[in-house]
N, C-alpha and C. Protein backbone atom coordinates (compact mmCIF):
# COMPACT_ATOMS: atom_id res chain seq x y z
N MET A 1 26.36 80.11 88.07
CA MET A 1 26.72 79.44 89.29
C MET A 1 27.93 78.55 89.07
N SER A 2 28.69 78.39 90.09
CA SER A 2 29.85 77.53 89.98
C SER A 2 29.42 76.07 90.16
N GLN A 3 30.29 75.18 89.79
CA GLN A 3 29.97 73.75 89.90
C GLN A 3 29.82 73.33 91.35
N ALA A 4 30.54 73.93 92.24
CA ALA A 4 30.45 73.59 93.66
C ALA A 4 29.09 73.97 94.21
N ALA A 5 28.55 75.11 93.78
CA ALA A 5 27.23 75.54 94.25
C ALA A 5 26.14 74.63 93.71
N GLN A 6 26.30 74.15 92.48
CA GLN A 6 25.29 73.26 91.91
C GLN A 6 25.30 71.90 92.59
N GLN A 7 26.45 71.43 93.01
CA GLN A 7 26.55 70.13 93.65
C GLN A 7 25.98 70.16 95.06
N GLN A 8 25.95 71.31 95.72
CA GLN A 8 25.48 71.40 97.09
C GLN A 8 23.95 71.44 97.17
N LYS A 9 23.28 71.77 96.07
CA LYS A 9 21.82 71.82 96.10
C LYS A 9 21.25 70.41 96.28
N PRO A 10 20.33 70.25 97.21
CA PRO A 10 19.69 68.92 97.33
C PRO A 10 18.78 68.69 96.14
N GLN A 11 18.86 67.51 95.58
CA GLN A 11 18.03 67.18 94.43
C GLN A 11 16.68 66.68 94.92
N ALA A 12 15.64 67.15 94.27
CA ALA A 12 14.29 66.73 94.64
C ALA A 12 14.06 65.29 94.19
N ALA A 13 13.47 64.49 95.05
CA ALA A 13 13.16 63.11 94.70
C ALA A 13 11.97 63.10 93.75
N PRO A 14 11.97 62.21 92.77
CA PRO A 14 10.83 62.16 91.84
C PRO A 14 9.56 61.78 92.60
N GLN A 15 8.48 62.47 92.28
CA GLN A 15 7.23 62.21 92.98
C GLN A 15 6.59 60.95 92.42
N GLN A 16 6.15 60.09 93.31
CA GLN A 16 5.49 58.86 92.90
C GLN A 16 3.99 59.11 92.84
N GLN A 17 3.37 58.57 91.81
CA GLN A 17 1.92 58.72 91.69
C GLN A 17 1.24 57.71 92.59
N LYS A 18 0.17 58.13 93.20
CA LYS A 18 -0.59 57.23 94.05
C LYS A 18 -1.39 56.29 93.17
N ALA A 19 -1.38 55.03 93.53
CA ALA A 19 -2.15 54.04 92.78
C ALA A 19 -3.62 54.20 93.13
N LYS A 20 -4.45 54.28 92.11
CA LYS A 20 -5.87 54.41 92.40
C LYS A 20 -6.42 53.05 92.81
N PRO A 21 -7.37 53.05 93.72
CA PRO A 21 -7.89 51.77 94.21
C PRO A 21 -8.59 50.99 93.11
N LYS A 22 -8.43 49.69 93.13
CA LYS A 22 -9.02 48.82 92.13
C LYS A 22 -10.51 48.64 92.44
N LYS A 23 -11.32 48.75 91.41
CA LYS A 23 -12.76 48.59 91.58
C LYS A 23 -13.06 47.10 91.67
N LEU A 24 -13.65 46.69 92.77
CA LEU A 24 -13.99 45.29 92.96
C LEU A 24 -15.43 45.05 92.53
N LYS A 25 -15.64 44.02 91.74
CA LYS A 25 -16.99 43.69 91.31
C LYS A 25 -17.57 42.65 92.25
N MET A 26 -18.82 42.83 92.55
CA MET A 26 -19.52 41.83 93.33
C MET A 26 -19.85 40.67 92.39
N ARG A 27 -19.87 39.49 92.87
CA ARG A 27 -20.16 38.33 92.02
C ARG A 27 -21.55 38.40 91.42
N ILE A 28 -22.47 39.06 92.10
CA ILE A 28 -23.82 39.17 91.58
C ILE A 28 -23.85 40.03 90.32
N GLU A 29 -22.88 40.94 90.14
CA GLU A 29 -22.83 41.78 88.95
C GLU A 29 -22.37 41.01 87.72
N LEU A 30 -21.77 39.83 87.89
CA LEU A 30 -21.30 39.04 86.77
C LEU A 30 -22.38 38.12 86.19
N TYR A 31 -23.52 38.02 86.87
CA TYR A 31 -24.57 37.09 86.46
C TYR A 31 -25.89 37.82 86.25
N ASP A 32 -26.70 37.32 85.31
CA ASP A 32 -28.09 37.74 85.17
C ASP A 32 -28.92 36.75 85.95
N VAL A 33 -29.57 37.21 87.01
CA VAL A 33 -30.35 36.32 87.85
C VAL A 33 -31.83 36.54 87.54
N SER A 34 -32.50 35.47 87.15
CA SER A 34 -33.94 35.53 86.91
C SER A 34 -34.58 34.29 87.53
N GLY A 35 -35.30 34.52 88.61
CA GLY A 35 -35.92 33.40 89.32
C GLY A 35 -34.87 32.50 89.93
N ALA A 36 -34.92 31.22 89.57
CA ALA A 36 -33.97 30.25 90.11
C ALA A 36 -32.76 30.05 89.20
N ALA A 37 -32.80 30.65 88.00
CA ALA A 37 -31.71 30.45 87.05
C ALA A 37 -30.76 31.66 87.07
N ALA A 38 -29.49 31.38 86.90
CA ALA A 38 -28.48 32.44 86.81
C ALA A 38 -27.64 32.19 85.56
N LYS A 39 -27.48 33.23 84.73
CA LYS A 39 -26.72 33.10 83.49
C LYS A 39 -25.54 34.06 83.55
N LEU A 40 -24.37 33.59 83.14
CA LEU A 40 -23.16 34.40 83.14
C LEU A 40 -23.25 35.47 82.07
N LYS A 41 -22.92 36.74 82.41
CA LYS A 41 -22.98 37.84 81.45
C LYS A 41 -21.81 37.79 80.48
N ASN A 42 -20.62 37.51 80.96
CA ASN A 42 -19.42 37.49 80.10
C ASN A 42 -19.20 36.11 79.50
N ARG A 43 -18.31 36.07 78.50
CA ARG A 43 -18.00 34.81 77.83
C ARG A 43 -16.98 34.03 78.64
N LYS A 44 -16.87 32.73 78.33
CA LYS A 44 -15.84 31.89 78.93
C LYS A 44 -14.73 31.70 77.92
N CYS A 45 -13.52 31.56 78.40
CA CYS A 45 -12.34 31.40 77.55
C CYS A 45 -12.38 30.02 76.88
N PRO A 46 -12.17 29.98 75.55
CA PRO A 46 -12.16 28.68 74.87
C PRO A 46 -10.92 27.84 75.18
N ARG A 47 -9.84 28.46 75.67
CA ARG A 47 -8.62 27.72 75.99
C ARG A 47 -8.63 27.15 77.39
N CYS A 48 -8.96 27.99 78.39
CA CYS A 48 -8.81 27.53 79.78
C CYS A 48 -10.13 27.46 80.55
N GLY A 49 -11.19 28.11 80.06
CA GLY A 49 -12.49 28.03 80.73
C GLY A 49 -12.74 29.11 81.75
N SER A 50 -11.83 30.06 81.93
CA SER A 50 -12.03 31.16 82.87
C SER A 50 -12.99 32.20 82.27
N VAL A 51 -13.48 33.09 83.09
CA VAL A 51 -14.36 34.15 82.62
C VAL A 51 -13.50 35.23 81.96
N MET A 52 -13.92 35.69 80.78
CA MET A 52 -13.16 36.69 80.03
C MET A 52 -13.69 38.09 80.33
N ALA A 53 -12.82 39.09 80.19
CA ALA A 53 -13.18 40.49 80.40
C ALA A 53 -13.46 41.13 79.05
N HIS A 54 -14.44 42.03 79.02
CA HIS A 54 -14.79 42.74 77.79
C HIS A 54 -14.23 44.15 77.89
N HIS A 55 -13.43 44.54 76.87
CA HIS A 55 -12.86 45.88 76.81
C HIS A 55 -13.44 46.59 75.60
N ALA A 56 -14.14 47.69 75.83
CA ALA A 56 -14.78 48.42 74.73
C ALA A 56 -14.00 49.65 74.32
N ALA A 57 -13.08 50.12 75.14
CA ALA A 57 -12.30 51.31 74.82
C ALA A 57 -11.23 50.96 73.79
N GLY A 58 -11.08 51.83 72.81
CA GLY A 58 -10.10 51.58 71.76
C GLY A 58 -10.58 50.48 70.84
N VAL A 59 -9.87 49.36 70.80
CA VAL A 59 -10.25 48.21 69.99
C VAL A 59 -11.14 47.31 70.84
N VAL A 60 -12.32 46.98 70.35
CA VAL A 60 -13.24 46.13 71.10
C VAL A 60 -12.68 44.71 71.11
N ARG A 61 -12.53 44.13 72.32
CA ARG A 61 -11.92 42.82 72.44
C ARG A 61 -12.36 42.12 73.72
N TRP A 62 -12.23 40.80 73.73
CA TRP A 62 -12.44 39.97 74.91
C TRP A 62 -11.08 39.42 75.31
N VAL A 63 -10.72 39.53 76.60
CA VAL A 63 -9.39 39.12 77.07
C VAL A 63 -9.55 38.21 78.29
N CYS A 64 -8.78 37.11 78.28
CA CYS A 64 -8.74 36.19 79.42
C CYS A 64 -7.58 36.60 80.31
N GLY A 65 -7.83 36.78 81.58
CA GLY A 65 -6.79 37.18 82.52
C GLY A 65 -5.88 36.04 82.93
N SER A 66 -6.33 34.80 82.77
CA SER A 66 -5.53 33.65 83.19
C SER A 66 -4.49 33.24 82.14
N CYS A 67 -4.94 33.07 80.89
CA CYS A 67 -4.02 32.55 79.88
C CYS A 67 -3.68 33.59 78.81
N SER A 68 -4.18 34.81 78.93
CA SER A 68 -3.90 35.93 78.01
C SER A 68 -4.44 35.73 76.60
N PHE A 69 -5.44 34.87 76.44
CA PHE A 69 -6.09 34.70 75.14
C PHE A 69 -6.89 35.96 74.84
N THR A 70 -6.78 36.49 73.61
CA THR A 70 -7.49 37.69 73.20
C THR A 70 -8.27 37.40 71.94
N ASP A 71 -9.56 37.79 71.96
CA ASP A 71 -10.43 37.61 70.82
C ASP A 71 -10.94 39.00 70.42
N TYR A 72 -10.55 39.45 69.21
CA TYR A 72 -10.95 40.77 68.74
C TYR A 72 -12.29 40.69 68.04
N ALA A 73 -13.13 41.72 68.23
CA ALA A 73 -14.46 41.75 67.62
C ALA A 73 -14.33 42.02 66.13
N ALA A 74 -15.23 41.43 65.36
CA ALA A 74 -15.23 41.66 63.91
C ALA A 74 -15.76 43.05 63.63
N LYS A 75 -15.20 43.70 62.59
CA LYS A 75 -15.62 45.05 62.25
C LYS A 75 -16.82 45.05 61.37
C-alpha cells in the first residue's frame, strides 16, 4: 500500500476497560456481635487508629488505607 492509502484509514480508538463495581461491606460484617457486645474483626492501625485491611493473596499483610502503614505477617 502507498503511504497515502495508509494515512486515509481511520485509526481505531483504544478500547477502555470497564471498571468493575466496588464491593461495599456492610458495617455489621466488620464486627463480631454476641449479645450486647460487639468486637472488631480487623486490627486497628498503631499509627493513626483507623481500621486496617487484611490481604491474604500473595504476601500476607495488614494495610491501613489512611496512612499507608503496612505490617507484614511473620513467616
